[in-house]
């Protein structure tokens, strides 16, 4: 009931919206023009930057919203939306352009909710991760577009099957009590990924993203990790096995936030499929290897879900306005989910921030780390938690905190430096030659050879 009430209140706050939105499909040049138009309308709260280029040389542009564009403010979380990863799944691309214009217009109009969101969050919006594939799909148009036409990049590679496979390493590590967070990349990973994938990996390595969604099409459901089933290692055929993360309940809540704020996703019956509450565990739907949302969770601090937003991958222009109205509140409400759980600073005794400090929550076997300035963000459901901060060269600190349903709880850590103790001095026990002779006598040559591996 509370979820419905929250969605209703949020929707009422957005009723008075600008009417100057253009519901059109945007080719690459038109998309770039739309982004720069928003930036020109809201120059003090936006920034455009490119994270790299596609195979055919198109920029992968990102539009940032912040009260201090280009600057990470301590204790202000970083959020991202990524659209059009599959070139022929175009609704997400158009929705993110609409969202960009909407945020700008509502900020200029003094909308309190949007103003607070932009002041308290650094929002990064990438309308198209696969601009080359989009151009292929757009040439066919909505009426004659094939189901796979333009899906892959210009090299014919599915970008959502192109990230380093950290799941396999994680499942093996789980059997030997290894980590399921911040898993290192294989040595040759750069030679195995496409330019678009490389650009995204370098991007998410450069920003301490906390929450994310990537927008797809072909179904209507909010999909959360893990995408890859552990059983897939042993069977060649597709498996549908629920494969939860240690943060499964949190991911379900994040997915439901979008689903119940959406016009009809939460109803469950869409596109001939049924998903209870409009959400699904990825591997429970079908197992997917080398996907982007699992990579975010296993390599970075970012919690990402995948939003399937339309039965028709390339909907006609006359359907875009209806789709925008169905997704508008959900897109805003999901960004607001970045402000939950706990956050704080990890510093030393001189109040200098400690980067890379590990934040562990008792009972949840998935850690996150502090950013370059020492600030950290840990998404959590309401409840009481025991949290430990640790860093190399410092004594760890453990605190207990209670998380409420609204704003995140502030939990700061100040770590004391480890005292390096000198080893005790060895007392003289006779001439050095006698010690060596004693060692040889105690450990015979044959025994030493027997212990070698």
Protein backbone atom coordinates (compact mmCIF):
# COMPACT_ATOMS: atom_id res chain seq x y z
CA UNK A 1 0.00 0.00 0.00
CA UNK A 2 2.84 2.37 0.88
CA UNK A 3 4.41 1.73 -2.52
CA UNK A 4 1.22 2.76 -4.32
CA UNK A 5 0.92 5.88 -2.17
CA UNK A 6 4.50 6.90 -2.87
CA UNK A 7 4.00 6.43 -6.61
CA UNK A 8 0.79 8.48 -6.51
CA UNK A 9 2.42 11.35 -4.61
CA UNK A 10 5.39 11.34 -6.98
CA UNK A 11 3.14 11.35 -10.02
CA UNK A 12 1.11 14.29 -8.69
CA UNK A 13 4.33 16.28 -8.29
CA UNK A 14 5.03 15.77 -11.99
CA UNK A 15 1.57 16.55 -13.38
CA UNK A 16 2.41 20.12 -14.29
CA UNK A 17 4.90 19.35 -17.05
CA UNK A 18 6.22 21.19 -20.06
CA UNK A 19 4.37 20.52 -23.31
CA UNK A 20 7.24 21.21 -25.69
CA UNK A 21 8.55 17.65 -25.87
CA UNK A 22 9.14 16.29 -29.36
CA UNK A 23 8.11 12.65 -29.74
CA UNK A 24 10.28 11.64 -32.68
CA UNK A 25 12.89 9.03 -33.47
CA UNK A 26 16.33 10.66 -33.44
CA UNK A 27 19.10 9.55 -35.79
CA UNK A 28 22.65 10.05 -34.51
CA UNK A 29 23.08 13.67 -35.63
CA UNK A 30 19.61 14.54 -34.32
CA UNK A 31 20.36 12.84 -31.00
CA UNK A 32 23.56 14.86 -30.61
CA UNK A 33 21.67 18.06 -31.45
CA UNK A 34 19.02 17.20 -28.85
CA UNK A 35 21.67 16.69 -26.16
CA UNK A 36 23.43 19.95 -26.94
CA UNK A 37 20.08 21.74 -27.03
CA UNK A 38 19.39 20.61 -23.47
CA UNK A 39 22.87 21.67 -22.44
CA UNK A 40 22.34 25.12 -23.95
CA UNK A 41 19.01 25.48 -22.13
CA UNK A 42 20.47 24.46 -18.76
CA UNK A 43 24.18 25.32 -18.96
CA UNK A 44 24.69 25.70 -15.22
CA UNK A 45 23.46 22.23 -14.27
CA UNK A 46 24.57 20.13 -17.27
CA UNK A 47 27.72 18.92 -18.98
CA UNK A 48 28.22 16.82 -22.11
CA UNK A 49 31.19 14.50 -22.38
CA UNK A 50 32.19 11.53 -24.51
CA UNK A 51 33.46 8.28 -23.01
CA UNK A 52 34.89 7.07 -26.33
CA UNK A 53 33.88 6.15 -29.87
CA UNK A 54 32.01 3.33 -31.54
CA UNK A 55 33.51 1.04 -34.18
CA UNK A 56 32.46 3.50 -36.90
CA UNK A 57 33.76 6.50 -34.96
CA UNK A 58 30.57 7.90 -33.43
CA UNK A 59 30.97 9.50 -30.01
CA UNK A 60 29.39 7.76 -27.03
CA UNK A 61 27.97 10.90 -25.45
CA UNK A 62 26.85 11.31 -21.87
CA UNK A 63 24.76 14.18 -20.52
CA UNK A 64 25.42 14.95 -16.86
CA UNK A 65 23.06 16.75 -14.48
CA UNK A 66 24.46 18.24 -11.28
CA UNK A 67 24.54 21.52 -9.40
CA UNK A 68 28.31 21.35 -9.93
CA UNK A 69 28.74 19.68 -13.34
CA UNK A 70 32.03 17.88 -13.80
CA UNK A 71 32.76 17.71 -10.07
CA UNK A 72 32.21 14.88 -7.64
CA UNK A 73 30.93 16.32 -4.37
CA UNK A 74 31.68 14.23 -1.27
CA UNK A 75 28.62 12.29 -0.06
CA UNK A 76 26.73 13.00 -3.32
CA UNK A 77 26.01 9.68 -5.08
CA UNK A 78 26.67 9.03 -8.77
CA UNK A 79 23.83 7.55 -10.86
CA UNK A 80 23.69 6.43 -14.50
CA UNK A 81 21.20 5.43 -17.19
CA UNK A 82 22.41 3.62 -20.32
CA UNK A 83 20.17 3.20 -23.36
CA UNK A 84 20.23 1.56 -26.79
CA UNK A 85 22.83 -1.09 -25.92
CA UNK A 86 21.13 -3.19 -28.56
CA UNK A 87 20.90 -0.91 -31.56
CA UNK A 88 17.39 -1.99 -32.60
CA UNK A 89 15.91 -1.57 -29.09
CA UNK A 90 15.22 2.11 -29.40
CA UNK A 91 12.60 3.10 -26.85
CA UNK A 92 15.17 3.56 -24.08
CA UNK A 93 17.14 5.92 -26.32
CA UNK A 94 14.10 8.13 -26.89
CA UNK A 95 12.99 7.98 -23.25
CA UNK A 96 16.41 9.16 -22.06
CA UNK A 97 16.31 12.09 -24.47
CA UNK A 98 12.84 12.92 -23.16
CA UNK A 99 14.06 12.57 -19.58
CA UNK A 100 16.98 14.92 -20.26
CA UNK A 101 14.70 17.59 -21.65
CA UNK A 102 12.23 17.03 -18.82
CA UNK A 103 14.83 17.43 -16.07
CA UNK A 104 16.09 20.64 -17.63
CA UNK A 105 12.62 22.13 -18.15
CA UNK A 106 11.37 21.21 -14.67
CA UNK A 107 14.49 22.59 -13.03
CA UNK A 108 13.98 25.88 -14.86
CA UNK A 109 10.33 25.90 -13.76
CA UNK A 110 11.34 25.49 -10.11
CA UNK A 111 9.93 21.98 -9.59
CA UNK A 112 11.04 21.28 -6.01
CA UNK A 113 11.33 17.53 -6.45
CA UNK A 114 13.50 17.78 -9.58
CA UNK A 115 15.58 20.64 -8.13
CA UNK A 116 16.32 18.60 -5.00
CA UNK A 117 17.15 15.54 -7.10
CA UNK A 118 19.68 17.43 -9.24
CA UNK A 119 21.22 19.19 -6.24
CA UNK A 120 21.61 15.94 -4.29
CA UNK A 121 22.59 13.56 -7.11
CA UNK A 122 25.09 13.50 -9.94
CA UNK A 123 23.10 11.99 -12.82
CA UNK A 124 24.76 10.61 -15.97
CA UNK A 125 22.57 9.82 -18.99
CA UNK A 126 23.90 7.91 -22.02
CA UNK A 127 21.09 7.68 -24.61
CA UNK A 128 22.97 5.33 -26.93
CA UNK A 129 25.73 2.81 -26.21
CA UNK A 130 25.40 1.37 -29.72
CA UNK A 131 24.89 4.24 -32.18
CA UNK A 132 26.21 2.18 -35.12
CA UNK A 133 23.65 -0.55 -34.61
CA UNK A 134 20.91 2.03 -34.27
CA UNK A 135 21.69 3.50 -37.68
CA UNK A 136 21.33 0.04 -39.24
CA UNK A 137 17.98 -0.50 -37.53
CA UNK A 138 16.76 3.03 -38.34
CA UNK A 139 17.32 2.50 -42.06
CA UNK A 140 14.73 -0.29 -41.90
CA UNK A 141 12.36 1.87 -39.88
CA UNK A 142 9.67 0.80 -37.38
CA UNK A 143 7.42 -0.88 -39.95
CA UNK A 144 9.88 -3.31 -41.55
CA UNK A 145 12.52 -3.67 -38.84
CA UNK A 146 13.72 -7.24 -38.37
CA UNK A 147 13.89 -8.67 -34.87
CA UNK A 148 17.70 -8.77 -34.98
CA UNK A 149 18.42 -6.01 -37.52
CA UNK A 150 20.87 -3.58 -35.91
CA UNK A 151 21.00 -5.45 -32.61
CA UNK A 152 24.79 -5.89 -32.67
CA UNK A 153 27.53 -3.31 -33.13
CA UNK A 154 29.30 -2.69 -36.47
CA UNK A 155 31.52 -5.73 -35.88
CA UNK A 156 28.49 -7.95 -35.48
CA UNK A 157 28.98 -8.39 -31.71
CA UNK A 158 26.21 -8.40 -29.11
CA UNK A 159 27.47 -5.86 -26.57
CA UNK A 160 25.47 -7.46 -23.77
CA UNK A 161 27.45 -10.66 -24.25
CA UNK A 162 30.82 -8.90 -24.49
CA UNK A 163 31.91 -8.03 -20.94
CA UNK A 164 34.57 -10.09 -19.15
CA UNK A 165 33.00 -13.20 -17.63
CA UNK A 166 33.43 -12.53 -13.93
CA UNK A 167 30.52 -14.81 -12.99
CA UNK A 168 32.47 -17.97 -13.76
CA UNK A 169 35.37 -16.74 -11.63
CA UNK A 170 32.92 -15.78 -8.87
CA UNK A 171 31.19 -19.17 -8.87
CA UNK A 172 34.55 -20.93 -8.68
CA UNK A 173 35.68 -18.53 -5.94
CA UNK A 174 32.50 -19.28 -4.02
CA UNK A 175 33.50 -22.91 -3.84
CA UNK A 176 36.80 -21.94 -2.25
CA UNK A 177 35.40 -19.06 -0.14
CA UNK A 178 36.65 -16.41 -2.57
CA UNK A 179 35.22 -12.91 -3.17
CA UNK A 180 32.12 -11.96 -5.15
CA UNK A 181 33.00 -8.28 -5.36
CA UNK A 182 35.70 -6.20 -7.04
CA UNK A 183 36.89 -9.24 -8.95
CA UNK A 184 40.01 -8.34 -10.96
CA UNK A 185 39.87 -8.39 -14.74
CA UNK A 186 41.82 -11.01 -16.70
CA UNK A 187 45.16 -9.83 -18.07
CA UNK A 188 44.05 -9.93 -21.72
CA UNK A 189 40.58 -8.46 -21.27
CA UNK A 190 41.11 -5.45 -23.54
CA UNK A 191 41.76 -7.69 -26.54
CA UNK A 192 38.48 -9.53 -25.93
CA UNK A 193 36.03 -6.63 -25.89
CA UNK A 194 34.60 -4.22 -28.45
CA UNK A 195 35.38 -0.47 -28.50
CA UNK A 196 31.97 0.35 -27.00
CA UNK A 197 32.44 -2.18 -24.21
CA UNK A 198 35.97 -0.96 -23.53
CA UNK A 199 34.72 2.61 -23.27
CA UNK A 200 31.99 1.64 -20.78
CA UNK A 201 34.38 -0.39 -18.61
CA UNK A 202 36.81 2.53 -18.45
CA UNK A 203 33.89 4.85 -17.72
CA UNK A 204 32.54 2.85 -14.79
CA UNK A 205 36.09 2.46 -13.49
CA UNK A 206 36.50 6.25 -13.42
CA UNK A 207 33.28 7.13 -11.56
CA UNK A 208 32.09 5.68 -8.27
CA UNK A 209 28.61 4.83 -9.54
CA UNK A 210 26.15 3.64 -6.91
CA UNK A 211 23.01 2.77 -8.88
CA UNK A 212 22.27 2.21 -12.56
CA UNK A 213 19.81 0.86 -15.10
CA UNK A 214 20.27 -0.10 -18.71
CA UNK A 215 17.23 0.19 -20.96
CA UNK A 216 16.24 -2.54 -23.41
CA UNK A 217 13.18 -3.67 -25.38
CA UNK A 218 11.38 -6.81 -26.49
CA UNK A 219 9.60 -7.45 -23.17
CA UNK A 220 8.16 -5.44 -20.28
CA UNK A 221 9.88 -6.39 -17.03
CA UNK A 222 12.49 -5.15 -14.55
CA UNK A 223 15.31 -7.69 -14.52
CA UNK A 224 17.88 -7.91 -11.71
CA UNK A 225 21.12 -9.92 -11.13
CA UNK A 226 22.40 -12.47 -11.43
CA UNK A 227 21.85 -12.85 -15.15
CA UNK A 228 24.07 -15.93 -15.39
CA UNK A 229 23.16 -19.19 -13.70
CA UNK A 230 25.92 -21.20 -12.06
CA UNK A 231 24.51 -24.31 -13.70
CA UNK A 232 25.32 -22.89 -17.14
CA UNK A 233 28.94 -23.94 -16.63
CA UNK A 234 27.97 -27.57 -16.80
CA UNK A 235 25.25 -27.64 -19.45
CA UNK A 236 25.23 -26.36 -22.99
CA UNK A 237 21.47 -25.83 -23.16
CA UNK A 238 19.70 -22.79 -21.74
CA UNK A 239 18.75 -23.03 -18.08
CA UNK A 240 16.19 -21.12 -16.05
CA UNK A 241 17.45 -21.32 -12.48
CA UNK A 242 16.88 -18.53 -9.97
CA UNK A 243 20.37 -17.25 -9.12
CA UNK A 244 20.19 -14.56 -6.43
CA UNK A 245 22.94 -12.22 -5.31
CA UNK A 246 23.69 -11.60 -1.62
CA UNK A 247 21.62 -8.41 -2.13
CA UNK A 248 18.62 -10.24 -3.59
CA UNK A 249 15.94 -8.56 -1.44
CA UNK A 250 17.40 -5.14 -2.17
CA UNK A 251 17.45 -5.84 -5.91
CA UNK A 252 13.84 -6.97 -5.78
CA UNK A 253 12.92 -3.71 -4.08
CA UNK A 254 14.79 -1.67 -6.68
CA UNK A 255 13.06 -3.54 -9.51
CA UNK A 256 9.64 -3.11 -7.89
CA UNK A 257 10.25 0.61 -7.51
CA UNK A 258 10.40 0.91 -11.29
CA UNK A 259 7.72 -1.66 -11.98
CA UNK A 260 5.07 -0.15 -9.69
CA UNK A 261 5.81 3.41 -10.82
CA UNK A 262 5.42 2.29 -14.46
CA UNK A 263 2.07 2.51 -16.18
CA UNK A 264 1.53 -1.25 -16.52
CA UNK A 265 4.75 -3.19 -15.90
CA UNK A 266 3.65 -4.22 -12.40
CA UNK A 267 0.55 -5.99 -13.72
CA UNK A 268 2.72 -8.90 -14.81
CA UNK A 269 1.04 -9.89 -18.08
CA UNK A 270 2.93 -8.27 -20.96
CA UNK A 271 4.06 -9.40 -24.41
CA UNK A 272 2.60 -12.87 -23.83
CA UNK A 273 4.73 -13.43 -20.71
CA UNK A 274 3.88 -13.24 -17.02
CA UNK A 275 6.27 -11.91 -14.38
CA UNK A 276 4.91 -11.52 -10.85
CA UNK A 277 5.05 -7.82 -9.85
CA UNK A 278 6.64 -7.14 -13.25
CA UNK A 279 10.10 -8.21 -12.07
CA UNK A 280 12.38 -11.21 -12.56
CA UNK A 281 15.75 -12.56 -11.56
CA UNK A 282 17.75 -12.61 -14.79
CA UNK A 283 18.90 -16.23 -14.65
CA UNK A 284 15.40 -17.31 -13.64
CA UNK A 285 14.18 -15.89 -16.95
CA UNK A 286 17.11 -17.22 -18.99
CA UNK A 287 20.80 -17.50 -18.30
CA UNK A 288 22.96 -14.84 -19.95
CA UNK A 289 26.76 -14.83 -19.94
CA UNK A 290 29.06 -11.77 -20.04
CA UNK A 291 26.23 -9.28 -19.45
CA UNK A 292 26.62 -5.71 -18.28
CA UNK A 293 24.49 -5.75 -15.13
CA UNK A 294 26.36 -8.67 -13.55
CA UNK A 295 29.66 -7.04 -14.51
CA UNK A 296 28.68 -3.84 -12.67
CA UNK A 297 27.89 -5.78 -9.50
CA UNK A 298 30.97 -8.00 -9.57
CA UNK A 299 33.55 -5.41 -10.63
CA UNK A 300 32.38 -2.07 -9.21
CA UNK A 301 30.31 -0.60 -6.39
CA UNK A 302 27.36 -0.13 -8.74
CA UNK A 303 24.03 -1.95 -8.41
CA UNK A 304 22.51 -2.20 -11.90
CA UNK A 305 19.23 -3.61 -13.18
CA UNK A 306 18.01 -4.12 -16.75
CA UNK A 307 14.71 -2.54 -17.80
CA UNK A 308 12.81 -4.20 -20.65
CA UNK A 309 10.38 -1.47 -21.65
CA UNK A 310 8.34 -2.44 -24.72
CA UNK A 311 7.07 -5.47 -26.60
CA UNK A 312 7.93 -3.70 -29.85
CA UNK A 313 11.66 -3.09 -30.04
CA UNK A 314 11.22 -0.19 -32.50
CA UNK A 315 7.83 1.32 -31.68
CA UNK A 316 6.24 3.78 -34.13
CA UNK A 317 6.51 7.49 -33.36
CA UNK A 318 2.81 7.75 -32.55
CA UNK A 319 3.39 5.43 -29.58
CA UNK A 320 6.29 7.39 -28.08
CA UNK A 321 4.20 9.88 -26.11
CA UNK A 322 2.17 7.10 -24.47
CA UNK A 323 5.39 5.28 -23.59
CA UNK A 324 6.90 8.44 -22.13
CA UNK A 325 3.89 9.02 -19.91
CA UNK A 326 4.08 5.38 -18.74
CA UNK A 327 7.80 5.63 -17.87
CA UNK A 328 8.24 9.24 -16.72
CA UNK A 329 7.48 8.74 -13.03
CA UNK A 330 9.35 5.44 -12.95
CA UNK A 331 12.51 6.99 -14.43
CA UNK A 332 12.51 9.70 -11.74
CA UNK A 333 11.54 7.38 -8.88
CA UNK A 334 14.33 4.95 -9.73
CA UNK A 335 16.95 7.72 -9.58
CA UNK A 336 15.67 8.60 -6.12
CA UNK A 337 16.44 5.05 -4.97
CA UNK A 338 20.14 5.99 -4.92
CA UNK A 339 19.34 7.84 -1.68
CA UNK A 340 18.81 4.91 0.67
CA UNK A 341 20.91 2.78 2.99
CA UNK A 342 24.01 4.31 4.53
CA UNK A 343 26.74 6.66 3.39
CA UNK A 344 29.63 8.43 5.03
CA UNK A 345 33.30 9.27 5.08
CA UNK A 346 36.21 6.98 5.87
CA UNK A 347 39.10 9.08 7.13
CA UNK A 348 42.30 8.81 9.11
CA UNK A 349 43.06 10.49 12.43
CA UNK A 350 43.94 13.71 10.58
CA UNK A 351 40.57 13.72 8.76
CA UNK A 352 42.12 12.82 5.43
CA UNK A 353 39.86 10.66 3.30
CA UNK A 354 40.95 7.06 2.77
CA UNK A 355 40.32 5.81 -0.76
CA UNK A 356 39.62 2.13 -1.37
CA UNK A 357 38.52 1.36 2.18
CA UNK A 358 36.38 -1.78 2.31
CA UNK A 359 32.87 -1.47 3.74
CA UNK A 360 31.46 -4.80 4.95
CA UNK A 361 27.94 -5.40 6.23
CA UNK A 362 27.48 -8.32 8.58
CA UNK A 363 25.19 -10.94 7.06
CA UNK A 364 25.59 -9.68 3.46
CA UNK A 365 28.61 -11.21 1.73
CA UNK A 366 29.20 -8.41 -0.76
CA UNK A 367 31.49 -5.49 0.03
CA UNK A 368 31.85 -2.05 -1.49
CA UNK A 369 34.74 0.40 -1.32
CA UNK A 370 35.19 4.10 -0.63
CA UNK A 371 35.86 6.52 -3.47
CA UNK A 372 38.87 8.72 -4.14
CA UNK A 373 37.77 11.25 -1.51
CA UNK A 374 37.03 8.62 1.11
CA UNK A 375 33.25 8.78 0.78
CA UNK A 376 31.22 5.61 0.40
CA UNK A 377 27.62 4.66 -0.39
CA UNK A 378 26.05 1.34 0.60
CA UNK A 379 22.49 0.68 -0.57
CA UNK A 380 20.52 -1.19 2.11
CA UNK A 381 16.93 -1.95 3.02
CA UNK A 382 15.51 -0.53 6.27
CA UNK A 383 16.85 -2.37 9.30
CA UNK A 384 19.68 -2.48 11.82
CA UNK A 385 23.15 -3.38 10.55
CA UNK A 386 26.64 -3.99 11.87
CA UNK A 387 29.09 -2.32 9.48
CA UNK A 388 32.87 -2.57 9.38
CA UNK A 389 35.33 -0.30 7.58
CA UNK A 390 38.85 -1.56 6.95
CA UNK A 391 41.86 -0.38 4.99
CA UNK A 392 45.42 -1.57 4.58
CA UNK A 393 47.66 0.00 7.18
CA UNK A 394 44.78 0.89 9.51
CA UNK A 395 42.88 -0.73 12.34
CA UNK A 396 39.35 -1.66 11.28
CA UNK A 397 36.34 -0.08 12.95
CA UNK A 398 32.89 -1.61 13.47
CA UNK A 399 29.70 0.36 14.11
CA UNK A 400 26.01 -0.49 14.43
CA UNK A 401 23.43 1.67 12.68
CA UNK A 402 19.73 1.68 11.90
CA UNK A 403 18.53 2.44 8.38
CA UNK A 404 15.15 4.08 7.89
CA UNK A 405 12.82 4.09 4.88
CA UNK A 406 13.67 7.63 3.77
CA UNK A 407 17.04 9.37 3.63
CA UNK A 408 20.27 7.39 4.04
CA UNK A 409 21.87 7.17 7.47
CA UNK A 410 25.19 8.95 7.90
CA UNK A 411 27.85 6.60 9.26
CA UNK A 412 31.38 7.97 9.38
CA UNK A 413 34.51 5.96 10.15
CA UNK A 414 37.80 7.29 11.48
CA UNK A 415 40.50 4.64 11.29
CA UNK A 416 43.60 4.60 13.44
CA UNK A 417 46.88 3.75 11.81
CA UNK A 418 48.32 0.35 12.59
CA UNK A 419 51.27 0.42 14.97
CA UNK A 420 54.14 -1.37 13.30
CA UNK A 421 55.83 -3.48 15.91
CA UNK A 422 59.51 -4.28 15.53
CA UNK A 423 60.37 -7.97 15.82
CA UNK A 424 62.19 -8.85 19.06
CA UNK A 425 65.96 -8.79 18.86
CA UNK A 426 67.52 -12.24 18.51
CA UNK A 427 69.80 -13.09 21.38
CA UNK A 428 73.26 -14.35 20.55
CA UNK A 429 73.55 -18.12 21.06
CA UNK A 430 77.16 -18.77 20.08
CA UNK A 431 79.31 -18.47 17.00
CA UNK A 432 77.50 -18.24 13.66
CA UNK A 433 79.31 -21.32 12.36
CA UNK A 434 77.93 -23.41 15.22
CA UNK A 435 74.35 -22.33 14.37
CA UNK A 436 74.76 -23.47 10.75
CA UNK A 437 76.19 -26.74 11.85
CA UNK A 438 73.27 -27.21 14.21
CA UNK A 439 70.77 -26.47 11.42
CA UNK A 440 72.39 -29.03 9.15
CA UNK A 441 72.32 -31.57 11.93
CA UNK A 442 68.64 -30.98 12.77
CA UNK A 443 67.43 -30.91 9.13
CA UNK A 444 69.28 -33.60 7.16
CA UNK A 445 69.78 -33.12 3.41
CA UNK A 446 67.55 -36.06 2.51
CA UNK A 447 64.66 -34.61 4.54
CA UNK A 448 64.97 -31.22 2.88
CA UNK A 449 64.76 -32.83 -0.56
CA UNK A 450 61.66 -34.75 0.49
CA UNK A 451 59.69 -31.60 1.33
CA UNK A 452 60.13 -29.96 -2.08
CA UNK A 453 56.96 -29.82 -4.27
